[in-house]
Amino acid sequence: MSTPMDCQLIGRWRIVKADIWDRDYLDLVEPAMLVIQANGHGEIAYGAMQASLDLEYSRALVYFTWEGFDEMDEVRGSGSAELQDDGTLEIEFAYRHGDEATLKAERVTSSTA
């Protein structure tokens, strides 16, 4: 893996679509979001789930493990996010012993998002 500075995914991403959940569920509590930081950590929130990420970087791909809460229950899992040719992210997201989903995210360009 390369250093975080080489990674094109660092920043805030708005999750706009999922293969197993509709948009109303994604934005249930707050706008669905993925944050990839340069310090090896990140965050994801959608539906009633919020989690912290531990990241490994390459130029157009990150791998992560995550831990957090979904409706007050502790949850964890793993996943990846890959930059697509159209500038969106494709996120493979898996709960340990549970659901697996493919999410689509768009880069947040506004400083107020």
N, C-alpha and C. Protein backbone atom coordinates (compact mmCIF):
# COMPACT_ATOMS: atom_id res chain seq x y z
N MET A 1 0.84 -1.19 0.00
CA MET A 1 0.00 0.00 0.00
C MET A 1 0.89 1.25 0.00
N SER A 2 0.41 2.29 -0.62
CA SER A 2 1.16 3.54 -0.68
C SER A 2 0.78 4.43 0.50
N THR A 3 1.43 5.55 0.59
CA THR A 3 1.14 6.49 1.66
C THR A 3 -0.21 7.15 1.43
N PRO A 4 -0.84 7.64 2.50
CA PRO A 4 -2.14 8.29 2.34
C PRO A 4 -2.12 9.48 1.39
N MET A 5 -0.99 10.18 1.29
CA MET A 5 -0.95 11.37 0.43
C MET A 5 -1.14 11.02 -1.04
N ASP A 6 -0.84 9.78 -1.43
CA ASP A 6 -1.04 9.34 -2.81
C ASP A 6 -2.49 8.97 -3.09
N CYS A 7 -3.29 8.82 -2.06
CA CYS A 7 -4.65 8.32 -2.20
C CYS A 7 -5.60 9.41 -2.70
N GLN A 8 -6.34 9.11 -3.76
CA GLN A 8 -7.28 10.06 -4.34
C GLN A 8 -8.64 10.05 -3.63
N LEU A 9 -8.82 9.19 -2.66
CA LEU A 9 -10.12 9.04 -2.00
C LEU A 9 -10.27 9.87 -0.73
N ILE A 10 -9.20 10.48 -0.26
CA ILE A 10 -9.27 11.24 0.98
C ILE A 10 -10.26 12.39 0.82
N GLY A 11 -11.19 12.49 1.76
CA GLY A 11 -12.20 13.54 1.73
C GLY A 11 -13.55 13.03 2.19
N ARG A 12 -14.58 13.84 1.94
CA ARG A 12 -15.96 13.50 2.33
C ARG A 12 -16.72 13.02 1.10
N TRP A 13 -17.49 11.95 1.29
CA TRP A 13 -18.25 11.35 0.22
C TRP A 13 -19.69 11.17 0.67
N ARG A 14 -20.63 11.56 -0.16
CA ARG A 14 -22.07 11.42 0.12
C ARG A 14 -22.55 10.09 -0.46
N ILE A 15 -23.04 9.21 0.40
CA ILE A 15 -23.57 7.93 -0.07
C ILE A 15 -24.95 8.18 -0.67
N VAL A 16 -25.10 7.84 -1.94
CA VAL A 16 -26.33 8.17 -2.67
C VAL A 16 -27.16 6.96 -3.08
N LYS A 17 -26.59 5.76 -2.95
CA LYS A 17 -27.30 4.58 -3.43
C LYS A 17 -26.74 3.33 -2.75
N ALA A 18 -27.62 2.35 -2.57
CA ALA A 18 -27.22 1.03 -2.06
C ALA A 18 -28.02 -0.04 -2.77
N ASP A 19 -27.43 -1.20 -2.91
CA ASP A 19 -28.14 -2.26 -3.61
C ASP A 19 -29.20 -2.95 -2.74
N ILE A 20 -29.12 -2.85 -1.41
CA ILE A 20 -30.10 -3.55 -0.57
C ILE A 20 -30.95 -2.61 0.29
N TRP A 21 -30.66 -1.30 0.29
CA TRP A 21 -31.45 -0.34 1.06
C TRP A 21 -31.87 0.80 0.14
N ASP A 22 -33.03 1.39 0.41
CA ASP A 22 -33.46 2.54 -0.39
C ASP A 22 -32.90 3.83 0.20
N ARG A 23 -33.06 4.90 -0.55
CA ARG A 23 -32.49 6.20 -0.16
C ARG A 23 -33.09 6.71 1.14
N ASP A 24 -34.39 6.47 1.38
CA ASP A 24 -35.01 6.90 2.65
C ASP A 24 -34.32 6.25 3.83
N TYR A 25 -33.99 4.95 3.72
CA TYR A 25 -33.28 4.29 4.82
C TYR A 25 -31.87 4.85 4.97
N LEU A 26 -31.16 5.03 3.86
CA LEU A 26 -29.79 5.55 3.94
C LEU A 26 -29.73 6.86 4.73
N ASP A 27 -30.69 7.75 4.51
CA ASP A 27 -30.72 9.07 5.13
C ASP A 27 -31.64 9.13 6.35
N LEU A 28 -31.91 8.00 6.99
CA LEU A 28 -32.86 7.92 8.09
C LEU A 28 -32.57 8.89 9.22
N VAL A 29 -31.34 8.95 9.71
CA VAL A 29 -30.98 9.80 10.85
C VAL A 29 -30.30 11.08 10.39
N GLU A 30 -29.44 10.97 9.41
CA GLU A 30 -28.69 12.11 8.86
C GLU A 30 -28.31 11.74 7.43
N PRO A 31 -27.85 12.69 6.63
CA PRO A 31 -27.41 12.33 5.28
C PRO A 31 -26.31 11.27 5.34
N ALA A 32 -26.46 10.20 4.56
CA ALA A 32 -25.49 9.11 4.54
C ALA A 32 -24.14 9.63 4.05
N MET A 33 -23.06 9.28 4.77
CA MET A 33 -21.76 9.88 4.50
C MET A 33 -20.63 8.90 4.77
N LEU A 34 -19.56 9.02 4.00
CA LEU A 34 -18.30 8.32 4.23
C LEU A 34 -17.21 9.38 4.28
N VAL A 35 -16.37 9.33 5.31
CA VAL A 35 -15.25 10.26 5.44
C VAL A 35 -13.97 9.44 5.48
N ILE A 36 -13.05 9.76 4.56
CA ILE A 36 -11.75 9.09 4.50
C ILE A 36 -10.70 10.13 4.87
N GLN A 37 -10.03 9.91 5.98
CA GLN A 37 -9.02 10.85 6.47
C GLN A 37 -7.62 10.35 6.12
N ALA A 38 -6.64 11.23 6.18
CA ALA A 38 -5.25 10.89 5.85
C ALA A 38 -4.50 10.29 7.02
N ASN A 39 -5.14 10.16 8.17
CA ASN A 39 -4.46 9.68 9.37
C ASN A 39 -4.71 8.20 9.67
N GLY A 40 -5.23 7.45 8.69
CA GLY A 40 -5.49 6.03 8.89
C GLY A 40 -6.86 5.72 9.43
N HIS A 41 -7.68 6.75 9.57
CA HIS A 41 -9.02 6.57 10.13
C HIS A 41 -10.07 7.23 9.25
N GLY A 42 -11.32 6.88 9.50
CA GLY A 42 -12.43 7.47 8.78
C GLY A 42 -13.71 7.19 9.53
N GLU A 43 -14.82 7.57 8.91
CA GLU A 43 -16.14 7.38 9.51
C GLU A 43 -17.13 7.04 8.42
N ILE A 44 -18.17 6.31 8.80
CA ILE A 44 -19.28 6.05 7.91
C ILE A 44 -20.56 6.13 8.72
N ALA A 45 -21.60 6.69 8.11
CA ALA A 45 -22.91 6.77 8.77
C ALA A 45 -23.98 6.65 7.69
N TYR A 46 -24.94 5.78 7.95
CA TYR A 46 -26.14 5.67 7.12
C TYR A 46 -27.19 4.95 7.93
N GLY A 47 -28.46 5.17 7.59
CA GLY A 47 -29.53 4.55 8.37
C GLY A 47 -29.38 4.91 9.83
N ALA A 48 -29.42 3.92 10.70
CA ALA A 48 -29.22 4.12 12.13
C ALA A 48 -27.83 3.65 12.55
N MET A 49 -26.91 3.48 11.58
CA MET A 49 -25.58 2.97 11.84
C MET A 49 -24.54 4.08 11.74
N GLN A 50 -23.64 4.10 12.72
CA GLN A 50 -22.48 4.99 12.71
C GLN A 50 -21.28 4.17 13.12
N ALA A 51 -20.16 4.34 12.40
CA ALA A 51 -18.99 3.53 12.69
C ALA A 51 -17.70 4.29 12.39
N SER A 52 -16.63 3.86 13.05
CA SER A 52 -15.28 4.35 12.80
C SER A 52 -14.56 3.34 11.92
N LEU A 53 -13.70 3.86 11.04
CA LEU A 53 -12.96 3.02 10.10
C LEU A 53 -11.47 3.05 10.43
N ASP A 54 -10.81 1.92 10.27
CA ASP A 54 -9.35 1.83 10.25
C ASP A 54 -8.97 1.50 8.81
N LEU A 55 -8.14 2.35 8.20
CA LEU A 55 -7.91 2.32 6.75
C LEU A 55 -6.53 1.83 6.35
N GLU A 56 -6.46 1.20 5.17
CA GLU A 56 -5.23 0.93 4.43
C GLU A 56 -5.43 1.53 3.06
N TYR A 57 -4.42 2.25 2.55
CA TYR A 57 -4.57 3.05 1.34
C TYR A 57 -3.81 2.49 0.15
N SER A 58 -4.36 2.71 -1.03
CA SER A 58 -3.61 2.69 -2.28
C SER A 58 -4.07 3.94 -3.04
N ARG A 59 -3.64 4.11 -4.24
CA ARG A 59 -3.95 5.35 -4.97
C ARG A 59 -5.45 5.55 -5.20
N ALA A 60 -6.15 4.52 -5.64
CA ALA A 60 -7.58 4.68 -5.98
C ALA A 60 -8.46 3.67 -5.23
N LEU A 61 -7.93 3.16 -4.11
CA LEU A 61 -8.64 2.13 -3.36
C LEU A 61 -8.25 2.19 -1.90
N VAL A 62 -9.23 2.01 -1.02
CA VAL A 62 -8.93 1.84 0.41
C VAL A 62 -9.61 0.56 0.88
N TYR A 63 -8.93 -0.11 1.79
CA TYR A 63 -9.51 -1.24 2.50
C TYR A 63 -9.73 -0.78 3.92
N PHE A 64 -10.77 -1.31 4.57
CA PHE A 64 -11.02 -0.89 5.95
C PHE A 64 -11.67 -1.99 6.77
N THR A 65 -11.44 -1.90 8.06
CA THR A 65 -12.25 -2.60 9.05
C THR A 65 -13.01 -1.53 9.77
N TRP A 66 -14.14 -1.88 10.34
CA TRP A 66 -14.96 -0.86 10.99
C TRP A 66 -15.63 -1.44 12.24
N GLU A 67 -15.94 -0.52 13.18
CA GLU A 67 -16.67 -0.85 14.41
C GLU A 67 -17.57 0.32 14.73
N GLY A 68 -18.77 0.01 15.19
CA GLY A 68 -19.70 1.08 15.55
C GLY A 68 -20.97 0.54 16.16
N PHE A 69 -22.04 1.30 15.96
CA PHE A 69 -23.34 0.98 16.53
C PHE A 69 -24.43 1.09 15.47
N ASP A 70 -25.36 0.16 15.50
CA ASP A 70 -26.53 0.19 14.64
C ASP A 70 -27.73 -0.02 15.56
N GLU A 71 -28.54 1.02 15.70
CA GLU A 71 -29.68 1.00 16.63
C GLU A 71 -29.24 0.55 18.02
N MET A 72 -28.14 1.10 18.50
CA MET A 72 -27.59 0.88 19.84
C MET A 72 -26.93 -0.49 20.01
N ASP A 73 -26.90 -1.33 18.98
CA ASP A 73 -26.21 -2.61 19.04
C ASP A 73 -24.80 -2.45 18.48
N GLU A 74 -23.81 -3.05 19.14
CA GLU A 74 -22.46 -3.02 18.62
C GLU A 74 -22.38 -3.86 17.35
N VAL A 75 -21.73 -3.30 16.32
CA VAL A 75 -21.54 -3.98 15.05
C VAL A 75 -20.11 -3.76 14.57
N ARG A 76 -19.66 -4.66 13.70
CA ARG A 76 -18.32 -4.52 13.12
C ARG A 76 -18.30 -5.25 11.79
N GLY A 77 -17.25 -4.97 11.04
CA GLY A 77 -17.12 -5.64 9.75
C GLY A 77 -15.91 -5.14 8.99
N SER A 78 -15.99 -5.28 7.67
CA SER A 78 -14.88 -4.88 6.82
C SER A 78 -15.44 -4.39 5.49
N GLY A 79 -14.55 -3.83 4.68
CA GLY A 79 -14.99 -3.36 3.37
C GLY A 79 -13.88 -2.71 2.58
N SER A 80 -14.27 -2.14 1.47
CA SER A 80 -13.35 -1.42 0.61
C SER A 80 -14.11 -0.33 -0.14
N ALA A 81 -13.37 0.64 -0.63
CA ALA A 81 -13.95 1.69 -1.47
C ALA A 81 -12.99 1.92 -2.63
N GLU A 82 -13.55 1.91 -3.84
CA GLU A 82 -12.72 2.05 -5.03
C GLU A 82 -13.24 3.18 -5.90
N LEU A 83 -12.31 4.04 -6.34
CA LEU A 83 -12.65 5.14 -7.23
C LEU A 83 -12.99 4.59 -8.60
N GLN A 84 -14.13 5.01 -9.14
CA GLN A 84 -14.60 4.57 -10.46
C GLN A 84 -14.19 5.59 -11.52
N ASP A 85 -14.25 5.18 -12.78
CA ASP A 85 -13.88 6.05 -13.90
C ASP A 85 -14.72 7.33 -13.95
N ASP A 86 -15.98 7.26 -13.47
CA ASP A 86 -16.85 8.44 -13.51
C ASP A 86 -16.67 9.35 -12.29
N GLY A 87 -15.69 9.06 -11.42
CA GLY A 87 -15.42 9.91 -10.25
C GLY A 87 -16.20 9.54 -9.01
N THR A 88 -17.07 8.54 -9.09
CA THR A 88 -17.81 8.08 -7.92
C THR A 88 -17.01 6.99 -7.20
N LEU A 89 -17.46 6.66 -6.01
CA LEU A 89 -16.88 5.55 -5.26
C LEU A 89 -17.83 4.36 -5.30
N GLU A 90 -17.28 3.18 -5.41
CA GLU A 90 -18.05 1.96 -5.19
C GLU A 90 -17.53 1.37 -3.89
N ILE A 91 -18.42 1.24 -2.93
CA ILE A 91 -18.06 0.78 -1.60
C ILE A 91 -18.64 -0.62 -1.39
N GLU A 92 -17.79 -1.56 -1.08
CA GLU A 92 -18.21 -2.91 -0.69
C GLU A 92 -18.19 -2.91 0.84
N PHE A 93 -19.34 -3.16 1.45
CA PHE A 93 -19.49 -3.00 2.89
C PHE A 93 -20.10 -4.28 3.46
N ALA A 94 -19.44 -4.87 4.46
CA ALA A 94 -19.92 -6.14 5.01
C ALA A 94 -19.96 -6.08 6.53
N TYR A 95 -21.11 -6.49 7.08
CA TYR A 95 -21.24 -6.69 8.51
C TYR A 95 -20.66 -8.07 8.84
N ARG A 96 -19.96 -8.18 9.95
CA ARG A 96 -19.48 -9.48 10.39
C ARG A 96 -20.68 -10.38 10.66
N HIS A 97 -20.74 -11.52 9.99
CA HIS A 97 -21.83 -12.48 10.12
C HIS A 97 -23.18 -11.87 9.76
N GLY A 98 -23.22 -11.00 8.75
CA GLY A 98 -24.49 -10.37 8.40
C GLY A 98 -24.53 -9.88 6.98
N ASP A 99 -25.26 -8.77 6.79
CA ASP A 99 -25.50 -8.20 5.47
C ASP A 99 -24.20 -7.80 4.77
N GLU A 100 -24.25 -7.87 3.45
CA GLU A 100 -23.22 -7.32 2.59
C GLU A 100 -23.92 -6.40 1.61
N ALA A 101 -23.34 -5.24 1.36
CA ALA A 101 -23.97 -4.26 0.49
C ALA A 101 -22.94 -3.61 -0.42
N THR A 102 -23.41 -3.16 -1.57
CA THR A 102 -22.61 -2.33 -2.45
C THR A 102 -23.24 -0.94 -2.43
N LEU A 103 -22.44 0.05 -2.06
CA LEU A 103 -22.90 1.43 -1.96
C LEU A 103 -22.23 2.27 -3.04
N LYS A 104 -22.90 3.33 -3.44
CA LYS A 104 -22.32 4.29 -4.38
C LYS A 104 -22.25 5.64 -3.68
N ALA A 105 -21.12 6.34 -3.83
CA ALA A 105 -20.94 7.64 -3.18
C ALA A 105 -20.36 8.64 -4.17
N GLU A 106 -20.72 9.91 -3.93
CA GLU A 106 -20.22 11.02 -4.74
C GLU A 106 -19.43 11.96 -3.83
N ARG A 107 -18.36 12.51 -4.36
CA ARG A 107 -17.52 13.42 -3.57
C ARG A 107 -18.30 14.67 -3.19
N VAL A 108 -18.15 15.08 -1.93
CA VAL A 108 -18.77 16.31 -1.45
C VAL A 108 -17.83 17.45 -1.81
N THR A 109 -18.31 18.39 -2.60
CA THR A 109 -17.47 19.50 -3.04
C THR A 109 -17.72 20.78 -2.27
N SER A 110 -18.88 20.86 -1.59
CA SER A 110 -19.21 22.06 -0.84
C SER A 110 -18.55 22.03 0.53
N SER A 111 -18.06 23.17 0.99
CA SER A 111 -17.46 23.22 2.32
C SER A 111 -18.51 23.21 3.42
N THR A 112 -19.80 23.35 3.07
CA THR A 112 -20.85 23.35 4.08
C THR A 112 -21.51 22.00 4.25
N ALA A 113 -21.10 21.01 3.45
CA ALA A 113 -21.72 19.68 3.52
C ALA A 113 -21.24 18.90 4.72
